[in-house]
Amino acid sequence: MAGHFEVLPGGGAAVALDDVEISILRSLAVQLMELIGPGDEPAKDADPLAALFAEGPSKPPSDPALKRLFPDAYGDDSEELRAAASDFRRYTENDLRARKREDALLVVRALDGLSADAATEGGAVLKLTPDECRAWLGALNDLRLTIGTRLEVTDDEESEQLYRLPDSDPRKPMVMAYLWLGALQESLVETLMS
C-alpha cells in the first residue's frame, strides 16, 4: 500500500505515507494556501446576503501559477470575450479561491489528524471518506498545476524531459515533487474508479 491508494470498504480510499511524505505534502498544501491567499472576500461579520453577491476581481492574477489556477473562462481574442471573461471572473473567482483553500486545508488537517492507532513504522495510514477524496484530488491537481507552472511545463514533451534532469539541476527537488504528486493523483483516481 505504500504510496498507493487502496479502496476502503464502504467507499473512500487509504494510503500509507511515511513521515517524510507527510511532511512534504503538508508543507506543499500550506504553501498552496499561502499562494492562493484570501482573495477579495467580504468580512466575516458582513451581511450574509451581501456576501453572497460580493464581487471578486475582474482581472486575471499577475502570478503565472495563480493565472493557471484561476484561468480566464474565455479566450482574449476580442474585446467582447475579454469583457465576458472579466465578468465571469468577477462572479466566480472568490468561490473558486475559497474551495481551493478549503481543499488544501482539508489536506493539512487530514495529515495533522493521523492518529497513533493508524501509525506504521515511520509513518501512518491515511483514510479518506469519498468527500475527502474529492478534496484531495482537487488539492493534488492544484499543487501539480502550480509546480508545473513554476517548472514551465506546457506539454508532454517537456514533461518527459523532466525525467532526464541531472541530480545537480536545482529544479530536481521540485521535479521529484511534481512527478510524485502526479503518481499519487493517478493512484487516487484509479482507486476511485475501481
Protein backbone atom coordinates (compact mmCIF):
# COMPACT_ATOMS: atom_id res chain seq x y z
CA MET A 1 0.00 0.00 0.00
CA ALA A 2 2.96 2.37 0.48
CA GLY A 3 2.35 5.40 -1.73
CA HIS A 4 -0.55 3.68 -3.49
CA PHE A 5 -4.20 4.33 -2.65
CA GLU A 6 -6.48 1.38 -2.00
CA VAL A 7 -10.27 1.21 -1.82
CA LEU A 8 -11.83 1.26 1.63
CA PRO A 9 -14.90 -0.87 2.31
CA GLY A 10 -17.95 1.38 2.07
CA GLY A 11 -16.16 3.94 -0.09
CA GLY A 12 -13.20 6.20 0.21
CA ALA A 13 -9.53 5.36 -0.05
CA ALA A 14 -6.48 4.73 2.11
CA VAL A 15 -2.77 5.21 1.56
CA ALA A 16 0.29 4.54 3.69
CA LEU A 17 2.57 7.56 3.94
CA ASP A 18 5.93 7.77 5.63
CA ASP A 19 6.91 10.70 7.84
CA VAL A 20 8.82 12.45 5.04
CA GLU A 21 5.87 12.16 2.63
CA ILE A 22 3.51 13.50 5.29
CA SER A 23 5.84 16.43 5.94
CA ILE A 24 6.25 17.25 2.23
CA LEU A 25 2.51 17.03 1.50
CA ARG A 26 1.67 19.19 4.49
CA SER A 27 4.29 21.80 3.58
CA LEU A 28 3.12 21.95 -0.04
CA ALA A 29 -0.54 22.31 0.98
CA VAL A 30 0.32 25.15 3.39
CA GLN A 31 2.34 26.88 0.65
CA LEU A 32 -0.60 26.47 -1.73
CA MET A 33 -2.95 28.15 0.77
CA GLU A 34 -0.45 30.99 1.16
CA LEU A 35 -0.20 31.38 -2.63
CA ILE A 36 -3.98 31.38 -3.11
CA GLY A 37 -4.39 33.89 -0.31
CA PRO A 38 -7.67 35.21 0.97
CA GLY A 39 -8.82 36.84 -2.25
CA ASP A 40 -11.30 39.72 -2.24
CA GLU A 41 -13.72 38.23 0.25
CA PRO A 42 -16.25 40.13 2.34
CA ALA A 43 -15.61 40.48 6.07
CA LYS A 44 -16.75 37.57 8.25
CA ASP A 45 -19.32 39.79 10.01
CA ALA A 46 -20.74 41.14 6.73
CA ASP A 47 -24.37 40.72 5.84
CA PRO A 48 -24.74 37.11 4.54
CA LEU A 49 -26.91 38.21 1.61
CA ALA A 50 -24.43 40.92 0.63
CA ALA A 51 -21.59 38.40 0.99
CA LEU A 52 -23.42 36.05 -1.36
CA PHE A 53 -23.41 38.71 -4.07
CA ALA A 54 -19.93 40.09 -3.37
CA GLU A 55 -17.93 40.71 -6.49
CA GLY A 56 -14.44 39.40 -6.93
CA PRO A 57 -11.55 40.58 -9.06
CA SER A 58 -12.15 41.35 -12.71
CA LYS A 59 -8.56 40.99 -13.91
CA PRO A 60 -6.51 37.80 -14.06
CA PRO A 61 -3.76 37.40 -11.46
CA SER A 62 -0.28 38.52 -12.49
CA ASP A 63 1.46 35.47 -10.96
CA PRO A 64 1.65 32.75 -13.66
CA ALA A 65 0.81 29.99 -11.16
CA LEU A 66 -2.29 31.83 -9.93
CA LYS A 67 -3.20 32.59 -13.53
CA ARG A 68 -3.07 28.81 -14.14
CA LEU A 69 -5.21 28.08 -11.07
CA PHE A 70 -7.69 30.83 -11.98
CA PRO A 71 -7.67 30.98 -15.79
CA ASP A 72 -9.87 33.19 -17.93
CA ALA A 73 -13.12 31.48 -18.86
CA TYR A 74 -12.88 32.68 -22.45
CA GLY A 75 -10.07 33.45 -24.86
CA ASP A 76 -8.86 37.00 -25.12
CA ASP A 77 -9.19 37.20 -28.91
CA SER A 78 -11.69 40.04 -28.86
CA GLU A 79 -12.78 42.84 -26.59
CA GLU A 80 -16.17 41.15 -26.20
CA LEU A 81 -14.60 37.89 -24.98
CA ARG A 82 -12.25 39.76 -22.63
CA ALA A 83 -15.26 41.56 -21.15
CA ALA A 84 -17.16 38.28 -20.75
CA ALA A 85 -14.12 36.68 -19.09
CA SER A 86 -13.84 39.65 -16.75
CA ASP A 87 -17.50 39.35 -15.75
CA PHE A 88 -17.21 35.60 -15.26
CA ARG A 89 -14.11 36.04 -13.06
CA ARG A 90 -15.79 38.77 -11.01
CA TYR A 91 -18.68 36.45 -10.08
CA THR A 92 -16.84 33.12 -9.69
CA GLU A 93 -13.24 33.63 -8.54
CA ASN A 94 -13.99 34.24 -4.87
CA ASP A 95 -15.89 30.94 -4.62
CA LEU A 96 -13.22 29.07 -6.57
CA ARG A 97 -10.49 30.56 -4.39
CA ALA A 98 -12.38 29.57 -1.23
CA ARG A 99 -12.89 26.00 -2.47
CA LYS A 100 -9.21 25.62 -3.34
CA ARG A 101 -8.22 26.91 0.11
CA GLU A 102 -10.72 24.54 1.77
CA ASP A 103 -9.32 21.58 -0.19
CA ALA A 104 -5.75 22.44 0.81
CA LEU A 105 -6.81 22.98 4.43
CA LEU A 106 -8.54 19.60 4.45
CA VAL A 107 -5.25 18.02 3.31
CA VAL A 108 -3.36 19.74 6.14
CA ARG A 109 -5.96 18.73 8.73
CA ALA A 110 -6.08 15.13 7.50
CA LEU A 111 -2.30 14.86 7.76
CA ASP A 112 -2.27 16.55 11.18
CA GLY A 113 -5.06 14.23 12.35
CA LEU A 114 -3.27 10.99 11.61
CA SER A 115 -3.69 9.12 14.87
CA ALA A 116 -1.26 6.89 16.65
CA ASP A 117 -3.54 3.88 16.16
CA ALA A 118 -3.10 4.26 12.38
CA ALA A 119 0.66 4.51 12.69
CA THR A 120 3.00 2.26 10.81
CA GLU A 121 6.75 2.16 11.25
CA GLY A 122 7.88 5.71 10.42
CA GLY A 123 4.52 6.84 9.06
CA ALA A 124 0.79 6.31 9.11
CA VAL A 125 -2.15 5.10 7.07
CA LEU A 126 -4.33 7.94 5.84
CA LYS A 127 -8.00 7.01 5.43
CA LEU A 128 -10.24 9.30 3.39
CA THR A 129 -14.01 9.41 3.01
CA PRO A 130 -15.42 9.83 -0.52
CA ASP A 131 -15.87 13.59 0.09
CA GLU A 132 -12.31 13.88 1.41
CA CYS A 133 -11.09 12.04 -1.70
CA ARG A 134 -12.67 14.74 -3.88
CA ALA A 135 -10.95 17.47 -1.89
CA TRP A 136 -7.63 15.62 -2.06
CA LEU A 137 -7.95 15.23 -5.82
CA GLY A 138 -8.58 18.95 -6.13
CA ALA A 139 -5.63 19.85 -3.91
CA LEU A 140 -3.26 17.41 -5.64
CA ASN A 141 -4.29 18.83 -9.00
CA ASP A 142 -3.76 22.41 -7.80
CA LEU A 143 -0.33 21.50 -6.42
CA ARG A 144 0.69 19.88 -9.71
CA LEU A 145 -0.58 22.83 -11.75
CA THR A 146 1.34 25.25 -9.53
CA ILE A 147 4.58 23.28 -9.61
CA GLY A 148 4.21 22.57 -13.33
CA THR A 149 3.79 26.30 -13.97
CA ARG A 150 6.89 27.09 -11.91
CA LEU A 151 8.78 24.43 -13.93
CA GLU A 152 7.33 25.93 -17.15
CA VAL A 153 5.83 22.60 -18.22
CA THR A 154 3.46 23.25 -21.11
CA ASP A 155 3.25 19.90 -22.93
CA ASP A 156 4.01 16.19 -22.59
CA GLU A 157 7.37 16.51 -24.34
CA GLU A 158 8.64 18.98 -21.74
CA SER A 159 7.26 16.74 -19.01
CA GLU A 160 9.28 13.82 -20.43
CA GLN A 161 12.45 15.94 -20.28
CA LEU A 162 11.96 16.30 -16.54
CA TYR A 163 12.76 12.61 -16.10
CA ARG A 164 16.22 13.19 -17.57
CA LEU A 165 17.33 16.12 -15.41
CA PRO A 166 20.70 15.55 -13.75
CA ASP A 167 20.73 15.43 -9.96
CA SER A 168 22.79 18.62 -9.95
CA ASP A 169 19.94 20.61 -11.56
CA PRO A 170 18.43 22.97 -8.96
CA ARG A 171 14.93 22.14 -10.27
CA LYS A 172 15.35 18.45 -9.40
CA PRO A 173 13.57 18.55 -5.98
CA MET A 174 10.61 20.40 -7.50
CA VAL A 175 10.53 17.93 -10.39
CA MET A 176 10.53 15.00 -7.98
CA ALA A 177 7.60 16.55 -6.06
CA TYR A 178 5.74 17.18 -9.36
CA LEU A 179 6.17 13.59 -10.51
CA TRP A 180 5.33 12.12 -7.10
CA LEU A 181 2.16 14.23 -6.79
CA GLY A 182 1.16 13.04 -10.26
CA ALA A 183 1.61 9.41 -9.21
CA LEU A 184 -0.46 9.99 -6.04
CA GLN A 185 -3.18 11.72 -8.03
CA GLU A 186 -3.27 8.94 -10.63
CA SER A 187 -3.40 6.29 -7.92
CA LEU A 188 -6.31 8.04 -6.20
CA VAL A 189 -8.23 8.41 -9.48
CA GLU A 190 -7.70 4.73 -10.33
CA THR A 191 -8.80 3.70 -6.85
CA LEU A 192 -11.97 5.74 -7.02
CA MET A 193 -12.81 4.35 -10.48
CA SER A 194 -12.44 0.73 -9.40
